[in-house]
Amino acid sequence: MNYKEILKNIFSLIFGLIVGGIVNMSILEFMMKIIPPPSGFDLNSPEGLEKAMPFFEPIHFLAPFLAHAIGTLIGALIVGFLTKKLRLSLTVGVVFLIGGISMVFSVPSPLWFNILDLFLAYIPMAYLGHQLGIKQKH
């Protein structure tokens, strides 16, 4: 592998991670308007989120799951399209999975959601994104 390909891989990975992160945040913001969280709580702090959590219904967990899954999918799709390298697409999934694991420890949420999110939103979506990305023509 020459230095041009190495640089292409690095920049593709960074680009995929940035776009995936933007997609993640955009979906969260959009979905919060469609499915507003319980009112009267400051959800911008871990303490406020912890106080609000008993008032969350299953529908409130749709936004974070979709944000994590689609953000990972799009990031991996971009990397797969640009590099055709599965390991780089899966790297997107691993990086976002690490973020998801850190959220499990810092943001209180039900066990069922943590399991669903950690096992379905990251690595499987990165693989699917890669498969979709490599099928696109350059």
C-alpha atoms as a PDB file:
ATOM      1  CA  MET A   1       0.000   0.000   0.000  1.00  0.00           C
ATOM      2  CA  ASN A   2       1.461   3.347  -0.993  1.00  0.00           C
ATOM      3  CA  TYR A   3       1.274   6.566   0.979  1.00  0.00           C
ATOM      4  CA  LYS A   4      -1.485   7.985  -1.264  1.00  0.00           C
ATOM      5  CA  GLU A   5      -3.744   5.044  -0.472  1.00  0.00           C
ATOM      6  CA  ILE A   6      -2.927   5.305   3.241  1.00  0.00           C
ATOM      7  CA  LEU A   7      -3.834   9.005   3.225  1.00  0.00           C
ATOM      8  CA  LYS A   8      -7.013   8.271   1.263  1.00  0.00           C
ATOM      9  CA  ASN A   9      -7.989   5.635   3.834  1.00  0.00           C
ATOM     10  CA  ILE A  10      -7.290   7.953   6.772  1.00  0.00           C
ATOM     11  CA  PHE A  11      -9.215  10.866   5.278  1.00  0.00           C
ATOM     12  CA  SER A  12     -12.079   8.604   4.212  1.00  0.00           C
ATOM     13  CA  LEU A  13     -12.356   7.238   7.743  1.00  0.00           C
ATOM     14  CA  ILE A  14     -12.280  10.713   9.291  1.00  0.00           C
ATOM     15  CA  PHE A  15     -14.854  11.945   6.766  1.00  0.00           C
ATOM     16  CA  GLY A  16     -17.130   8.963   7.455  1.00  0.00           C
ATOM     17  CA  LEU A  17     -16.884   9.510  11.216  1.00  0.00           C
ATOM     18  CA  ILE A  18     -17.646  13.221  10.909  1.00  0.00           C
ATOM     19  CA  VAL A  19     -20.618  12.736   8.576  1.00  0.00           C
ATOM     20  CA  GLY A  20     -21.910   9.840  10.699  1.00  0.00           C
ATOM     21  CA  GLY A  21     -21.691  12.040  13.796  1.00  0.00           C
ATOM     22  CA  ILE A  22     -23.516  14.880  12.057  1.00  0.00           C
ATOM     23  CA  VAL A  23     -26.245  12.476  10.911  1.00  0.00           C
ATOM     24  CA  ASN A  24     -26.520  11.129  14.467  1.00  0.00           C
ATOM     25  CA  MET A  25     -26.984  14.575  16.000  1.00  0.00           C
ATOM     26  CA  SER A  26     -29.358  15.720  13.241  1.00  0.00           C
ATOM     27  CA  ILE A  27     -31.619  12.723  13.736  1.00  0.00           C
ATOM     28  CA  LEU A  28     -31.649  13.266  17.504  1.00  0.00           C
ATOM     29  CA  GLU A  29     -32.611  16.912  17.119  1.00  0.00           C
ATOM     30  CA  PHE A  30     -35.261  16.164  14.488  1.00  0.00           C
ATOM     31  CA  MET A  31     -36.800  13.276  16.415  1.00  0.00           C
ATOM     32  CA  MET A  32     -36.930  15.302  19.650  1.00  0.00           C
ATOM     33  CA  LYS A  33     -39.289  17.678  17.826  1.00  0.00           C
ATOM     34  CA  ILE A  34     -41.497  14.817  16.644  1.00  0.00           C
ATOM     35  CA  ILE A  35     -41.421  12.884  19.927  1.00  0.00           C
ATOM     36  CA  PRO A  36     -40.789  15.481  22.610  1.00  0.00           C
ATOM     37  CA  PRO A  37     -39.261  14.291  25.871  1.00  0.00           C
ATOM     38  CA  PRO A  38     -41.193  14.646  29.114  1.00  0.00           C
ATOM     39  CA  SER A  39     -41.512  18.322  29.963  1.00  0.00           C
ATOM     40  CA  GLY A  40     -40.231  19.990  33.092  1.00  0.00           C
ATOM     41  CA  PHE A  41     -36.788  18.380  33.088  1.00  0.00           C
ATOM     42  CA  ASP A  42     -33.366  19.683  32.103  1.00  0.00           C
ATOM     43  CA  LEU A  43     -32.173  16.970  29.749  1.00  0.00           C
ATOM     44  CA  ASN A  44     -28.860  18.728  29.138  1.00  0.00           C
ATOM     45  CA  SER A  45     -27.336  17.400  32.343  1.00  0.00           C
ATOM     46  CA  PRO A  46     -26.856  13.812  33.526  1.00  0.00           C
ATOM     47  CA  GLU A  47     -28.714  14.649  36.739  1.00  0.00           C
ATOM     48  CA  GLY A  48     -31.721  16.068  34.870  1.00  0.00           C
ATOM     49  CA  LEU A  49     -31.776  13.110  32.527  1.00  0.00           C
ATOM     50  CA  GLU A  50     -31.668  10.726  35.459  1.00  0.00           C
ATOM     51  CA  LYS A  51     -34.647  12.479  37.061  1.00  0.00           C
ATOM     52  CA  ALA A  52     -36.605  12.375  33.793  1.00  0.00           C
ATOM     53  CA  MET A  53     -35.851   8.732  32.949  1.00  0.00           C
ATOM     54  CA  PRO A  54     -38.781   7.227  34.930  1.00  0.00           C
ATOM     55  CA  PHE A  55     -41.115   9.329  32.760  1.00  0.00           C
ATOM     56  CA  PHE A  56     -39.672   8.114  29.450  1.00  0.00           C
ATOM     57  CA  GLU A  57     -41.798   5.690  27.475  1.00  0.00           C
ATOM     58  CA  PRO A  58     -40.423   3.163  24.948  1.00  0.00           C
ATOM     59  CA  ILE A  59     -41.166   5.593  22.089  1.00  0.00           C
ATOM     60  CA  HIS A  60     -38.657   8.048  23.590  1.00  0.00           C
ATOM     61  CA  PHE A  61     -35.870   5.556  22.924  1.00  0.00           C
ATOM     62  CA  LEU A  62     -36.630   5.444  19.197  1.00  0.00           C
ATOM     63  CA  ALA A  63     -34.721   8.670  18.549  1.00  0.00           C
ATOM     64  CA  PRO A  64     -31.408   7.613  20.096  1.00  0.00           C
ATOM     65  CA  PHE A  65     -31.583   4.158  18.532  1.00  0.00           C
ATOM     66  CA  LEU A  66     -32.286   5.533  15.048  1.00  0.00           C
ATOM     67  CA  ALA A  67     -29.619   8.212  15.486  1.00  0.00           C
ATOM     68  CA  HIS A  68     -26.996   5.664  16.503  1.00  0.00           C
ATOM     69  CA  ALA A  69     -27.952   3.112  13.849  1.00  0.00           C
ATOM     70  CA  ILE A  70     -28.372   5.495  10.902  1.00  0.00           C
ATOM     71  CA  GLY A  71     -25.339   7.604  11.844  1.00  0.00           C
ATOM     72  CA  THR A  72     -23.201   4.464  11.921  1.00  0.00           C
ATOM     73  CA  LEU A  73     -24.761   3.164   8.692  1.00  0.00           C
ATOM     74  CA  ILE A  74     -24.083   6.393   6.781  1.00  0.00           C
ATOM     75  CA  GLY A  75     -20.549   6.750   8.134  1.00  0.00           C
ATOM     76  CA  ALA A  76     -19.679   3.170   7.173  1.00  0.00           C
ATOM     77  CA  LEU A  77     -21.409   3.526   3.789  1.00  0.00           C
ATOM     78  CA  ILE A  78     -19.208   6.516   2.983  1.00  0.00           C
ATOM     79  CA  VAL A  79     -16.056   4.681   4.038  1.00  0.00           C
ATOM     80  CA  GLY A  80     -17.091   1.555   2.127  1.00  0.00           C
ATOM     81  CA  PHE A  81     -17.838   3.603  -0.974  1.00  0.00           C
ATOM     82  CA  LEU A  82     -14.549   5.504  -0.844  1.00  0.00           C
ATOM     83  CA  THR A  83     -12.207   2.676   0.163  1.00  0.00           C
ATOM     84  CA  LYS A  84     -14.017  -0.661  -0.399  1.00  0.00           C
ATOM     85  CA  LYS A  85     -12.281  -1.862   2.801  1.00  0.00           C
ATOM     86  CA  LEU A  86     -14.475  -3.727   5.280  1.00  0.00           C
ATOM     87  CA  ARG A  87     -12.077  -3.200   8.180  1.00  0.00           C
ATOM     88  CA  LEU A  88     -12.312   0.574   7.760  1.00  0.00           C
ATOM     89  CA  SER A  89     -16.121   0.497   7.602  1.00  0.00           C
ATOM     90  CA  LEU A  90     -16.161  -1.677  10.716  1.00  0.00           C
ATOM     91  CA  THR A  91     -13.813   0.817  12.372  1.00  0.00           C
ATOM     92  CA  VAL A  92     -16.629   3.357  12.079  1.00  0.00           C
ATOM     93  CA  GLY A  93     -18.874   0.877  13.900  1.00  0.00           C
ATOM     94  CA  VAL A  94     -16.277   0.258  16.600  1.00  0.00           C
ATOM     95  CA  VAL A  95     -15.665   3.968  17.201  1.00  0.00           C
ATOM     96  CA  PHE A  96     -19.399   4.641  17.521  1.00  0.00           C
ATOM     97  CA  LEU A  97     -19.785   1.498  19.659  1.00  0.00           C
ATOM     98  CA  ILE A  98     -17.182   2.863  22.071  1.00  0.00           C
ATOM     99  CA  GLY A  99     -19.256   6.042  22.251  1.00  0.00           C
ATOM    100  CA  GLY A 100     -22.370   3.940  22.876  1.00  0.00           C
ATOM    101  CA  ILE A 101     -20.663   2.012  25.664  1.00  0.00           C
ATOM    102  CA  SER A 102     -19.570   5.258  27.291  1.00  0.00           C
ATOM    103  CA  MET A 103     -23.172   6.499  27.106  1.00  0.00           C
ATOM    104  CA  VAL A 104     -24.387   3.339  28.876  1.00  0.00           C
ATOM    105  CA  PHE A 105     -22.139   4.232  31.814  1.00  0.00           C
ATOM    106  CA  SER A 106     -22.904   7.950  31.852  1.00  0.00           C
ATOM    107  CA  VAL A 107     -26.596   8.199  30.875  1.00  0.00           C
ATOM    108  CA  PRO A 108     -29.163   6.170  32.794  1.00  0.00           C
ATOM    109  CA  SER A 109     -31.331   4.073  30.488  1.00  0.00           C
ATOM    110  CA  PRO A 110     -33.201   0.778  30.672  1.00  0.00           C
ATOM    111  CA  LEU A 111     -31.276  -2.451  30.245  1.00  0.00           C
ATOM    112  CA  TRP A 112     -33.441  -3.530  27.283  1.00  0.00           C
ATOM    113  CA  PHE A 113     -32.476  -0.351  25.409  1.00  0.00           C
ATOM    114  CA  ASN A 114     -28.774  -0.707  26.220  1.00  0.00           C
ATOM    115  CA  ILE A 115     -28.736  -4.284  24.910  1.00  0.00           C
ATOM    116  CA  LEU A 116     -30.696  -3.397  21.765  1.00  0.00           C
ATOM    117  CA  ASP A 117     -28.575  -0.340  21.067  1.00  0.00           C
ATOM    118  CA  LEU A 118     -25.167  -1.899  21.693  1.00  0.00           C
ATOM    119  CA  PHE A 119     -25.855  -5.105  19.764  1.00  0.00           C
ATOM    120  CA  LEU A 120     -27.817  -3.767  16.779  1.00  0.00           C
ATOM    121  CA  ALA A 121     -26.979  -0.106  16.185  1.00  0.00           C
ATOM    122  CA  TYR A 122     -23.243  -0.272  15.626  1.00  0.00           C
ATOM    123  CA  ILE A 123     -21.403  -3.283  14.205  1.00  0.00           C
ATOM    124  CA  PRO A 124     -24.350  -4.705  12.213  1.00  0.00           C
ATOM    125  CA  MET A 125     -25.107  -1.245  10.794  1.00  0.00           C
ATOM    126  CA  ALA A 126     -21.445  -0.699   9.933  1.00  0.00           C
ATOM    127  CA  TYR A 127     -21.421  -4.000   8.044  1.00  0.00           C
ATOM    128  CA  LEU A 128     -24.656  -3.136   6.236  1.00  0.00           C
ATOM    129  CA  GLY A 129     -23.347   0.341   5.412  1.00  0.00           C
ATOM    130  CA  HIS A 130     -20.183  -1.182   3.990  1.00  0.00           C
ATOM    131  CA  GLN A 131     -22.180  -3.598   1.840  1.00  0.00           C
ATOM    132  CA  LEU A 132     -24.312  -0.755   0.508  1.00  0.00           C
ATOM    133  CA  GLY A 133     -21.254   1.430  -0.078  1.00  0.00           C
ATOM    134  CA  ILE A 134     -19.279  -1.100  -2.075  1.00  0.00           C
ATOM    135  CA  LYS A 135     -22.269  -1.725  -4.370  1.00  0.00           C
ATOM    136  CA  GLN A 136     -22.256   1.898  -5.534  1.00  0.00           C
ATOM    137  CA  LYS A 137     -20.341   2.754  -8.700  1.00  0.00           C
ATOM    138  CA  HIS A 138     -17.506   5.267  -8.508  1.00  0.00           C
END
